[in-house]
Amino acid sequence: MGLFDRLFGKKNLETVESRAQRLREDAKRTVFPGRGSGPTVVNSSQVGAAYGVQAIDDRALEFIQSGISARQSGDFNRALSLYKQALALEPRSVDAHNGLAATYIGLGKIDDAIKEHRLAIECSPGYVADKVQVVYVNMANAILKRGLRPAAVDEFRAAAQGLPQSSGYHCALGLVHWKVGDPRKARAEFQEVLKFDQSGTCAQAAREWTEKIDKGEGPG
């Protein structure tokens, strides 16, 4: 299994999701500042993937978890309904927007998926924005599902217009360049990643992908 699959792929996601129920119970004992009463809240990085830290209404969390299960079983229409119910309760849930995006991809609705990826990034609390960088990669992969075409580069730039040009942005843009056959520009973007991030997931990916490019290898 390559680095992309280990860091961003389904197996890694499933490992996190398989722990969600236990972590949800642990999180019920967590105290969040300013949320001493009201609905149970949890750390949203415990569901789906580590896309940020948010206080999540317990009912919304249940919809998200059910959406994950429905999507994994291929019941995309049910997943769509569940994620939308989660967002009705928590309109700024990063996990719900990202899960809805993945559901739209399963339904072949790439434009809708990209909109949800944007919302996931925009809804990330500023103080944990670095933990949401992988959503840029998700957005890039959604665009690449239309085909490995040079136009995908401009499509990604347009989709991410106005969003922070962060480590995740450069990692995703580099991946698109590499996938469409321009390793030189891909390498330059991966070097940009390291100006923002020296130790995170995107930095790890950028280093390994740069090494593969230098060896003349493709993205696989």
Protein backbone atom coordinates (compact mmCIF):
# COMPACT_ATOMS: atom_id res chain seq x y z
CA MET A 1 0.00 0.00 0.00
CA GLY A 2 1.43 3.42 -0.99
CA LEU A 3 1.64 6.53 1.14
CA PHE A 4 -1.52 8.02 -0.36
CA ASP A 5 -3.55 4.97 0.62
CA ARG A 6 -2.02 4.88 4.10
CA LEU A 7 -2.67 8.56 4.77
CA PHE A 8 -5.73 9.41 2.75
CA GLY A 9 -7.17 6.12 1.53
CA LYS A 10 -10.19 4.10 2.55
CA LYS A 11 -8.35 1.66 4.80
CA ASN A 12 -7.01 4.48 6.94
CA LEU A 13 -10.47 6.03 7.08
CA GLU A 14 -12.09 2.77 8.06
CA THR A 15 -9.61 2.28 10.89
CA VAL A 16 -10.68 5.60 12.36
CA GLU A 17 -14.35 4.93 11.80
CA SER A 18 -14.17 1.53 13.46
CA ARG A 19 -13.10 3.31 16.63
CA ALA A 20 -15.83 5.96 16.43
CA GLN A 21 -18.34 4.30 18.75
CA ARG A 22 -15.84 3.71 21.55
CA LEU A 23 -14.42 7.20 21.19
CA ARG A 24 -17.90 8.66 21.23
CA GLU A 25 -18.50 7.12 24.64
CA ASP A 26 -15.13 8.39 25.86
CA ALA A 27 -15.90 11.84 24.53
CA LYS A 28 -19.12 12.08 26.53
CA ARG A 29 -16.90 12.53 29.57
CA THR A 30 -15.03 15.43 27.97
CA VAL A 31 -15.68 18.92 29.27
CA PHE A 32 -15.68 21.71 26.68
CA PRO A 33 -15.29 25.37 27.77
CA GLY A 34 -18.57 27.20 27.66
CA ARG A 35 -20.59 24.02 27.07
CA GLY A 36 -21.23 22.89 30.63
CA SER A 37 -24.88 22.18 29.92
CA GLY A 38 -27.09 21.26 26.98
CA PRO A 39 -26.52 18.50 24.41
CA THR A 40 -23.61 16.12 24.77
CA VAL A 41 -20.65 17.35 22.74
CA VAL A 42 -17.72 15.46 21.31
CA ASN A 43 -14.52 16.04 19.43
CA SER A 44 -15.42 15.74 15.76
CA SER A 45 -11.94 14.43 14.94
CA GLN A 46 -13.17 11.18 16.50
CA VAL A 47 -15.58 10.55 13.65
CA GLY A 48 -14.66 10.00 9.99
CA ALA A 49 -11.19 11.54 10.08
CA ALA A 50 -9.23 14.18 11.97
CA TYR A 51 -10.69 17.17 10.13
CA GLY A 52 -10.81 19.53 13.07
CA VAL A 53 -12.01 19.98 16.61
CA GLN A 54 -15.60 21.06 17.05
CA ALA A 55 -18.33 20.72 19.62
CA ILE A 56 -20.93 18.46 18.00
CA ASP A 57 -24.51 17.91 19.12
CA ASP A 58 -24.90 14.25 20.08
CA ARG A 59 -27.85 13.78 17.72
CA ALA A 60 -25.84 15.19 14.82
CA LEU A 61 -23.00 12.83 15.69
CA GLU A 62 -25.36 9.87 15.49
CA PHE A 63 -26.52 11.00 12.03
CA ILE A 64 -22.88 11.33 10.92
CA GLN A 65 -22.01 7.85 12.17
CA SER A 66 -25.08 6.38 10.48
CA GLY A 67 -24.15 8.25 7.31
CA ILE A 68 -20.68 6.70 7.37
CA SER A 69 -22.19 3.22 7.68
CA ALA A 70 -24.71 3.85 4.90
CA ARG A 71 -22.04 5.22 2.57
CA GLN A 72 -19.69 2.31 3.24
CA SER A 73 -22.48 -0.14 2.44
CA GLY A 74 -23.21 1.67 -0.83
CA ASP A 75 -26.56 3.12 0.25
CA PHE A 76 -25.72 6.61 -0.96
CA ASN A 77 -29.27 7.95 -0.95
CA ARG A 78 -29.71 7.05 2.71
CA ALA A 79 -26.29 8.51 3.51
CA LEU A 80 -27.31 11.70 1.74
CA SER A 81 -30.38 12.02 3.94
CA LEU A 82 -28.43 11.29 7.12
CA TYR A 83 -25.68 13.80 6.48
CA LYS A 84 -28.27 16.45 5.63
CA GLN A 85 -30.05 15.73 8.91
CA ALA A 86 -26.73 16.17 10.72
CA LEU A 87 -26.20 19.50 8.97
CA ALA A 88 -29.68 20.65 9.91
CA LEU A 89 -28.54 20.36 13.52
CA GLU A 90 -24.91 21.41 13.02
CA PRO A 91 -24.62 23.50 9.83
CA ARG A 92 -20.88 24.03 10.34
CA SER A 93 -19.90 20.42 10.98
CA VAL A 94 -16.69 19.73 9.05
CA ASP A 95 -17.24 15.98 9.17
CA ALA A 96 -20.82 16.22 7.91
CA HIS A 97 -19.86 18.41 4.95
CA ASN A 98 -16.91 16.17 4.08
CA GLY A 99 -19.05 13.04 4.41
CA LEU A 100 -21.75 14.59 2.24
CA ALA A 101 -19.10 15.39 -0.37
CA ALA A 102 -17.97 11.75 -0.41
CA THR A 103 -21.60 10.70 -0.80
CA TYR A 104 -22.09 13.00 -3.77
CA ILE A 105 -19.00 11.46 -5.36
CA GLY A 106 -20.60 8.04 -4.93
CA LEU A 107 -23.68 9.38 -6.70
CA GLY A 108 -21.57 10.83 -9.51
CA LYS A 109 -22.40 14.44 -8.55
CA ILE A 110 -18.92 15.92 -8.66
CA ASP A 111 -19.96 19.59 -8.69
CA ASP A 112 -22.04 19.08 -5.55
CA ALA A 113 -19.14 17.23 -3.92
CA ILE A 114 -16.74 20.09 -4.60
CA LYS A 115 -19.18 22.58 -3.04
CA GLU A 116 -19.31 20.46 0.12
CA HIS A 117 -15.51 20.17 0.24
CA ARG A 118 -15.33 23.98 0.11
CA LEU A 119 -17.84 24.25 2.93
CA ALA A 120 -15.89 21.73 5.03
CA ILE A 121 -12.77 23.89 4.70
CA GLU A 122 -14.65 27.14 5.31
CA CYS A 123 -16.32 25.72 8.43
CA SER A 124 -13.07 24.64 10.02
CA PRO A 125 -12.35 26.64 13.18
CA GLY A 126 -9.35 28.86 12.51
CA TYR A 127 -7.33 27.54 15.42
CA VAL A 128 -7.42 23.97 14.08
CA ALA A 129 -7.39 24.73 10.36
CA ASP A 130 -4.15 22.81 9.95
CA LYS A 131 -6.05 19.60 10.74
CA VAL A 132 -8.40 20.07 7.80
CA GLN A 133 -5.74 20.12 5.09
CA VAL A 134 -6.61 16.66 3.79
CA VAL A 135 -10.00 17.98 2.60
CA TYR A 136 -8.13 19.82 -0.17
CA VAL A 137 -6.81 16.43 -1.30
CA ASN A 138 -10.34 15.05 -1.22
CA MET A 139 -11.44 17.94 -3.44
CA ALA A 140 -8.59 17.28 -5.88
CA ASN A 141 -9.51 13.62 -6.12
CA ALA A 142 -13.13 14.52 -6.80
CA ILE A 143 -12.00 16.65 -9.74
CA LEU A 144 -9.68 13.91 -11.00
CA LYS A 145 -12.65 11.53 -11.16
CA ARG A 146 -13.72 13.48 -14.23
CA GLY A 147 -10.56 12.22 -15.90
CA LEU A 148 -6.79 12.74 -15.78
CA ARG A 149 -6.82 15.84 -17.99
CA PRO A 150 -4.58 18.95 -17.98
CA ALA A 151 -7.76 21.00 -17.49
CA ALA A 152 -8.04 19.45 -14.02
CA VAL A 153 -5.35 21.88 -12.80
CA ASP A 154 -7.43 24.94 -13.66
CA GLU A 155 -10.55 23.22 -12.35
CA PHE A 156 -8.89 22.67 -8.98
CA ARG A 157 -7.66 26.27 -8.83
CA ALA A 158 -11.15 27.52 -9.64
CA ALA A 159 -12.73 25.21 -7.05
CA ALA A 160 -10.33 26.42 -4.37
CA GLN A 161 -10.49 30.09 -5.31
CA GLY A 162 -10.70 32.25 -2.22
CA LEU A 163 -9.68 29.46 0.14
CA PRO A 164 -6.36 29.67 2.02
CA GLN A 165 -3.39 28.60 -0.10
CA SER A 166 -2.15 26.39 2.71
CA SER A 167 -0.13 23.19 2.93
CA GLY A 168 -3.20 21.19 1.92
CA TYR A 169 -3.83 23.45 -1.07
CA HIS A 170 -0.31 23.00 -2.40
CA CYS A 171 -0.30 19.28 -1.62
CA ALA A 172 -3.54 18.81 -3.56
CA LEU A 173 -2.45 21.02 -6.47
CA GLY A 174 0.83 19.11 -6.68
CA LEU A 175 -1.07 15.83 -6.74
CA VAL A 176 -3.21 17.08 -9.64
CA HIS A 177 -0.13 18.19 -11.60
CA TRP A 178 1.49 14.81 -10.99
CA LYS A 179 -1.60 12.80 -11.91
CA VAL A 180 -2.04 14.68 -15.21
CA GLY A 181 1.59 14.18 -16.19
CA ASP A 182 3.57 17.24 -15.04
CA PRO A 183 5.97 16.02 -12.32
CA ARG A 184 8.10 19.20 -12.49
CA LYS A 185 5.22 21.43 -11.41
CA ALA A 186 4.08 18.78 -8.95
CA ARG A 187 7.50 18.81 -7.29
CA ALA A 188 7.43 22.61 -7.02
CA GLU A 189 4.05 22.47 -5.26
CA PHE A 190 5.28 19.79 -2.87
CA GLN A 191 8.17 22.06 -1.92
CA GLU A 192 5.65 24.80 -1.19
CA VAL A 193 3.96 22.43 1.25
CA LEU A 194 7.12 22.30 3.36
CA LYS A 195 7.13 26.09 3.75
CA PHE A 196 3.87 25.74 5.69
CA ASP A 197 4.25 22.35 7.33
CA GLN A 198 7.31 20.37 8.41
CA SER A 199 5.73 17.52 10.32
CA GLY A 200 2.08 17.03 9.40
CA THR A 201 0.35 14.61 7.06
CA CYS A 202 0.78 16.81 4.01
CA ALA A 203 4.47 17.33 4.77
CA GLN A 204 4.98 13.58 5.02
CA ALA A 205 3.18 13.09 1.71
CA ALA A 206 5.12 15.91 0.03
CA ARG A 207 8.47 14.45 1.06
CA GLU A 208 7.69 10.93 -0.10
CA TRP A 209 6.10 12.09 -3.35
CA THR A 210 9.08 14.36 -4.07
CA GLU A 211 11.38 11.40 -3.55
CA LYS A 212 9.32 9.30 -5.97
CA ILE A 213 9.42 12.08 -8.58
CA ASP A 214 13.21 12.38 -8.20
CA LYS A 215 13.45 8.63 -8.85
CA GLY A 216 11.39 9.00 -12.00
CA GLU A 217 8.40 7.16 -10.55
CA GLY A 218 4.77 7.98 -11.27
CA PRO A 219 1.94 8.62 -8.82
CA GLY A 220 0.56 5.09 -9.21
